Amino acid sequence: MDDVELAKQITVLQDIEAIKKLKAEYCDICDDDHNQDRIVTIFVRDGI
């Protein structure tokens, strides 16, 4: 495995971890009675 392939695999793992953290944060917000002040922090302004 060369450095480029290793870097790609690391990026994939980092992306997966970021998605897991976002999902956990969203679930925590849902358990917080859908706190609007918190929920807006996890969405982008120009999202569709």
PDB file of N, CA and C in Angstrom:
ATOM      1  N   MET A   1       0.857  -1.167   0.000  1.00  0.00           N
ATOM      2  CA  MET A   1       0.000   0.000   0.000  1.00  0.00           C
ATOM      3  C   MET A   1       0.904   1.232   0.000  1.00  0.00           C
ATOM      4  N   ASP A   2       0.615   2.144  -0.921  1.00  0.00           N
ATOM      5  CA  ASP A   2       1.431   3.353  -0.982  1.00  0.00           C
ATOM      6  C   ASP A   2       0.812   4.467  -0.138  1.00  0.00           C
ATOM      7  N   ASP A   3       1.526   5.578  -0.045  1.00  0.00           N
ATOM      8  CA  ASP A   3       1.091   6.697   0.799  1.00  0.00           C
ATOM      9  C   ASP A   3      -0.237   7.290   0.339  1.00  0.00           C
ATOM     10  N   VAL A   4      -0.463   7.331  -0.963  1.00  0.00           N
ATOM     11  CA  VAL A   4      -1.707   7.901  -1.493  1.00  0.00           C
ATOM     12  C   VAL A   4      -2.902   7.045  -1.078  1.00  0.00           C
ATOM     13  N   GLU A   5      -2.776   5.741  -1.227  1.00  0.00           N
ATOM     14  CA  GLU A   5      -3.858   4.835  -0.841  1.00  0.00           C
ATOM     15  C   GLU A   5      -4.101   4.889   0.668  1.00  0.00           C
ATOM     16  N   LEU A   6      -3.052   4.953   1.439  1.00  0.00           N
ATOM     17  CA  LEU A   6      -3.182   5.059   2.889  1.00  0.00           C
ATOM     18  C   LEU A   6      -3.890   6.356   3.277  1.00  0.00           C
ATOM     19  N   ALA A   7      -3.541   7.445   2.632  1.00  0.00           N
ATOM     20  CA  ALA A   7      -4.184   8.732   2.910  1.00  0.00           C
ATOM     21  C   ALA A   7      -5.672   8.681   2.572  1.00  0.00           C
ATOM     22  N   LYS A   8      -6.024   8.012   1.477  1.00  0.00           N
ATOM     23  CA  LYS A   8      -7.437   7.871   1.102  1.00  0.00           C
ATOM     24  C   LYS A   8      -8.197   7.077   2.154  1.00  0.00           C
ATOM     25  N   GLN A   9      -7.601   5.990   2.618  1.00  0.00           N
ATOM     26  CA  GLN A   9      -8.260   5.164   3.627  1.00  0.00           C
ATOM     27  C   GLN A   9      -8.423   5.918   4.945  1.00  0.00           C
ATOM     28  N   ILE A  10      -7.435   6.697   5.314  1.00  0.00           N
ATOM     29  CA  ILE A  10      -7.532   7.506   6.532  1.00  0.00           C
ATOM     30  C   ILE A  10      -8.652   8.526   6.396  1.00  0.00           C
ATOM     31  N   THR A  11      -8.756   9.152   5.229  1.00  0.00           N
ATOM     32  CA  THR A  11      -9.817  10.130   4.988  1.00  0.00           C
ATOM     33  C   THR A  11     -11.191   9.480   5.098  1.00  0.00           C
ATOM     34  N   VAL A  12     -11.343   8.300   4.536  1.00  0.00           N
ATOM     35  CA  VAL A  12     -12.616   7.579   4.623  1.00  0.00           C
ATOM     36  C   VAL A  12     -12.961   7.297   6.084  1.00  0.00           C
ATOM     37  N   LEU A  13     -12.007   6.822   6.852  1.00  0.00           N
ATOM     38  CA  LEU A  13     -12.256   6.533   8.266  1.00  0.00           C
ATOM     39  C   LEU A  13     -12.598   7.795   9.054  1.00  0.00           C
ATOM     40  N   GLN A  14     -11.935   8.900   8.749  1.00  0.00           N
ATOM     41  CA  GLN A  14     -12.236  10.165   9.415  1.00  0.00           C
ATOM     42  C   GLN A  14     -13.639  10.639   9.053  1.00  0.00           C
ATOM     43  N   ASP A  15     -14.032  10.472   7.797  1.00  0.00           N
ATOM     44  CA  ASP A  15     -15.378  10.860   7.373  1.00  0.00           C
ATOM     45  C   ASP A  15     -16.440  10.019   8.072  1.00  0.00           C
ATOM     46  N   ILE A  16     -16.194   8.727   8.171  1.00  0.00           N
ATOM     47  CA  ILE A  16     -17.132   7.842   8.865  1.00  0.00           C
ATOM     48  C   ILE A  16     -17.272   8.258  10.327  1.00  0.00           C
ATOM     49  N   GLU A  17     -16.177   8.566  10.969  1.00  0.00           N
ATOM     50  CA  GLU A  17     -16.217   8.985  12.377  1.00  0.00           C
ATOM     51  C   GLU A  17     -16.979  10.300  12.534  1.00  0.00           C
ATOM     52  N   ALA A  18     -16.790  11.224  11.608  1.00  0.00           N
ATOM     53  CA  ALA A  18     -17.505  12.504  11.666  1.00  0.00           C
ATOM     54  C   ALA A  18     -19.011  12.286  11.522  1.00  0.00           C
ATOM     55  N   ILE A  19     -19.406  11.370  10.650  1.00  0.00           N
ATOM     56  CA  ILE A  19     -20.828  11.058  10.477  1.00  0.00           C
ATOM     57  C   ILE A  19     -21.394  10.438  11.751  1.00  0.00           C
ATOM     58  N   LYS A  20     -20.651   9.549  12.375  1.00  0.00           N
ATOM     59  CA  LYS A  20     -21.095   8.940  13.637  1.00  0.00           C
ATOM     60  C   LYS A  20     -21.296  10.002  14.713  1.00  0.00           C
ATOM     61  N   LYS A  21     -20.369  10.942  14.797  1.00  0.00           N
ATOM     62  CA  LYS A  21     -20.473  12.008  15.801  1.00  0.00           C
ATOM     63  C   LYS A  21     -21.672  12.905  15.522  1.00  0.00           C
ATOM     64  N   LEU A  22     -21.915  13.219  14.252  1.00  0.00           N
ATOM     65  CA  LEU A  22     -23.061  14.048  13.885  1.00  0.00           C
ATOM     66  C   LEU A  22     -24.365  13.340  14.220  1.00  0.00           C
ATOM     67  N   LYS A  23     -24.436  12.060  13.919  1.00  0.00           N
ATOM     68  CA  LYS A  23     -25.633  11.276  14.234  1.00  0.00           C
ATOM     69  C   LYS A  23     -25.878  11.242  15.739  1.00  0.00           C
ATOM     70  N   ALA A  24     -24.835  11.052  16.512  1.00  0.00           N
ATOM     71  CA  ALA A  24     -24.970  11.028  17.971  1.00  0.00           C
ATOM     72  C   ALA A  24     -25.438  12.381  18.499  1.00  0.00           C
ATOM     73  N   GLU A  25     -24.906  13.455  17.947  1.00  0.00           N
ATOM     74  CA  GLU A  25     -25.321  14.801  18.362  1.00  0.00           C
ATOM     75  C   GLU A  25     -26.788  15.031  18.022  1.00  0.00           C
ATOM     76  N   TYR A  26     -27.207  14.611  16.833  1.00  0.00           N
ATOM     77  CA  TYR A  26     -28.604  14.762  16.431  1.00  0.00           C
ATOM     78  C   TYR A  26     -29.528  13.989  17.378  1.00  0.00           C
ATOM     79  N   CYS A  27     -29.158  12.764  17.705  1.00  0.00           N
ATOM     80  CA  CYS A  27     -29.970  11.967  18.627  1.00  0.00           C
ATOM     81  C   CYS A  27     -30.038  12.612  20.007  1.00  0.00           C
ATOM     82  N   ASP A  28     -28.933  13.172  20.460  1.00  0.00           N
ATOM     83  CA  ASP A  28     -28.912  13.865  21.745  1.00  0.00           C
ATOM     84  C   ASP A  28     -29.842  15.075  21.716  1.00  0.00           C
ATOM     85  N   ILE A  29     -29.846  15.794  20.609  1.00  0.00           N
ATOM     86  CA  ILE A  29     -30.736  16.953  20.467  1.00  0.00           C
ATOM     87  C   ILE A  29     -32.193  16.501  20.480  1.00  0.00           C
ATOM     88  N   CYS A  30     -32.492  15.396  19.803  1.00  0.00           N
ATOM     89  CA  CYS A  30     -33.862  14.882  19.803  1.00  0.00           C
ATOM     90  C   CYS A  30     -34.301  14.524  21.219  1.00  0.00           C
ATOM     91  N   ASP A  31     -33.381  13.977  22.004  1.00  0.00           N
ATOM     92  CA  ASP A  31     -33.689  13.654  23.396  1.00  0.00           C
ATOM     93  C   ASP A  31     -33.829  14.902  24.256  1.00  0.00           C
ATOM     94  N   ASP A  32     -33.348  16.030  23.762  1.00  0.00           N
ATOM     95  CA  ASP A  32     -33.432  17.313  24.472  1.00  0.00           C
ATOM     96  C   ASP A  32     -34.670  18.084  24.001  1.00  0.00           C
ATOM     97  N   ASP A  33     -35.737  17.349  23.691  1.00  0.00           N
ATOM     98  CA  ASP A  33     -37.012  17.936  23.270  1.00  0.00           C
ATOM     99  C   ASP A  33     -36.858  18.789  22.009  1.00  0.00           C
ATOM    100  N   HIS A  34     -36.021  18.319  21.088  1.00  0.00           N
ATOM    101  CA  HIS A  34     -35.796  19.002  19.797  1.00  0.00           C
ATOM    102  C   HIS A  34     -35.442  20.474  20.005  1.00  0.00           C
ATOM    103  N   ASN A  35     -34.515  20.726  20.888  1.00  0.00           N
ATOM    104  CA  ASN A  35     -34.055  22.075  21.228  1.00  0.00           C
ATOM    105  C   ASN A  35     -33.638  22.820  19.959  1.00  0.00           C
ATOM    106  N   GLN A  36     -34.416  23.835  19.582  1.00  0.00           N
ATOM    107  CA  GLN A  36     -34.175  24.566  18.331  1.00  0.00           C
ATOM    108  C   GLN A  36     -32.839  25.286  18.324  1.00  0.00           C
ATOM    109  N   ASP A  37     -32.422  25.788  19.457  1.00  0.00           N
ATOM    110  CA  ASP A  37     -31.135  26.493  19.516  1.00  0.00           C
ATOM    111  C   ASP A  37     -29.973  25.545  19.229  1.00  0.00           C
ATOM    112  N   ARG A  38     -30.115  24.299  19.625  1.00  0.00           N
ATOM    113  CA  ARG A  38     -29.056  23.316  19.371  1.00  0.00           C
ATOM    114  C   ARG A  38     -29.148  22.720  17.974  1.00  0.00           C
ATOM    115  N   ILE A  39     -30.367  22.469  17.514  1.00  0.00           N
ATOM    116  CA  ILE A  39     -30.516  21.762  16.237  1.00  0.00           C
ATOM    117  C   ILE A  39     -30.011  22.591  15.058  1.00  0.00           C
ATOM    118  N   VAL A  40     -30.141  23.905  15.133  1.00  0.00           N
ATOM    119  CA  VAL A  40     -29.664  24.735  14.015  1.00  0.00           C
ATOM    120  C   VAL A  40     -28.146  24.710  13.900  1.00  0.00           C
ATOM    121  N   THR A  41     -27.461  24.311  14.952  1.00  0.00           N
ATOM    122  CA  THR A  41     -26.000  24.301  14.907  1.00  0.00           C
ATOM    123  C   THR A  41     -25.434  23.141  14.087  1.00  0.00           C
ATOM    124  N   ILE A  42     -26.250  22.128  13.787  1.00  0.00           N
ATOM    125  CA  ILE A  42     -25.724  20.979  13.055  1.00  0.00           C
ATOM    126  C   ILE A  42     -26.109  20.979  11.580  1.00  0.00           C
ATOM    127  N   PHE A  43     -26.851  21.984  11.134  1.00  0.00           N
ATOM    128  CA  PHE A  43     -27.223  22.094   9.731  1.00  0.00           C
ATOM    129  C   PHE A  43     -26.525  23.287   9.101  1.00  0.00           C
ATOM    130  N   VAL A  44     -26.207  23.178   7.824  1.00  0.00           N
ATOM    131  CA  VAL A  44     -25.572  24.289   7.118  1.00  0.00           C
ATOM    132  C   VAL A  44     -26.626  25.306   6.718  1.00  0.00           C
ATOM    133  N   ARG A  45     -26.215  26.562   6.632  1.00  0.00           N
ATOM    134  CA  ARG A  45     -27.153  27.639   6.310  1.00  0.00           C
ATOM    135  C   ARG A  45     -27.784  27.472   4.932  1.00  0.00           C
ATOM    136  N   ASP A  46     -27.001  27.068   3.953  1.00  0.00           N
ATOM    137  CA  ASP A  46     -27.516  26.999   2.587  1.00  0.00           C
ATOM    138  C   ASP A  46     -27.928  25.582   2.186  1.00  0.00           C
ATOM    139  N   GLY A  47     -28.194  24.737   3.166  1.00  0.00           N
ATOM    140  CA  GLY A  47     -28.601  23.364   2.871  1.00  0.00           C
ATOM    141  C   GLY A  47     -29.996  23.312   2.270  1.00  0.00           C
ATOM    142  N   ILE A  48     -30.207  22.291   1.504  1.00  0.00           N
ATOM    143  CA  ILE A  48     -31.512  22.135   0.848  1.00  0.00           C
ATOM    144  C   ILE A  48     -32.298  21.076   1.586  1.00  0.00           C
TER     145      ILE A  48
END
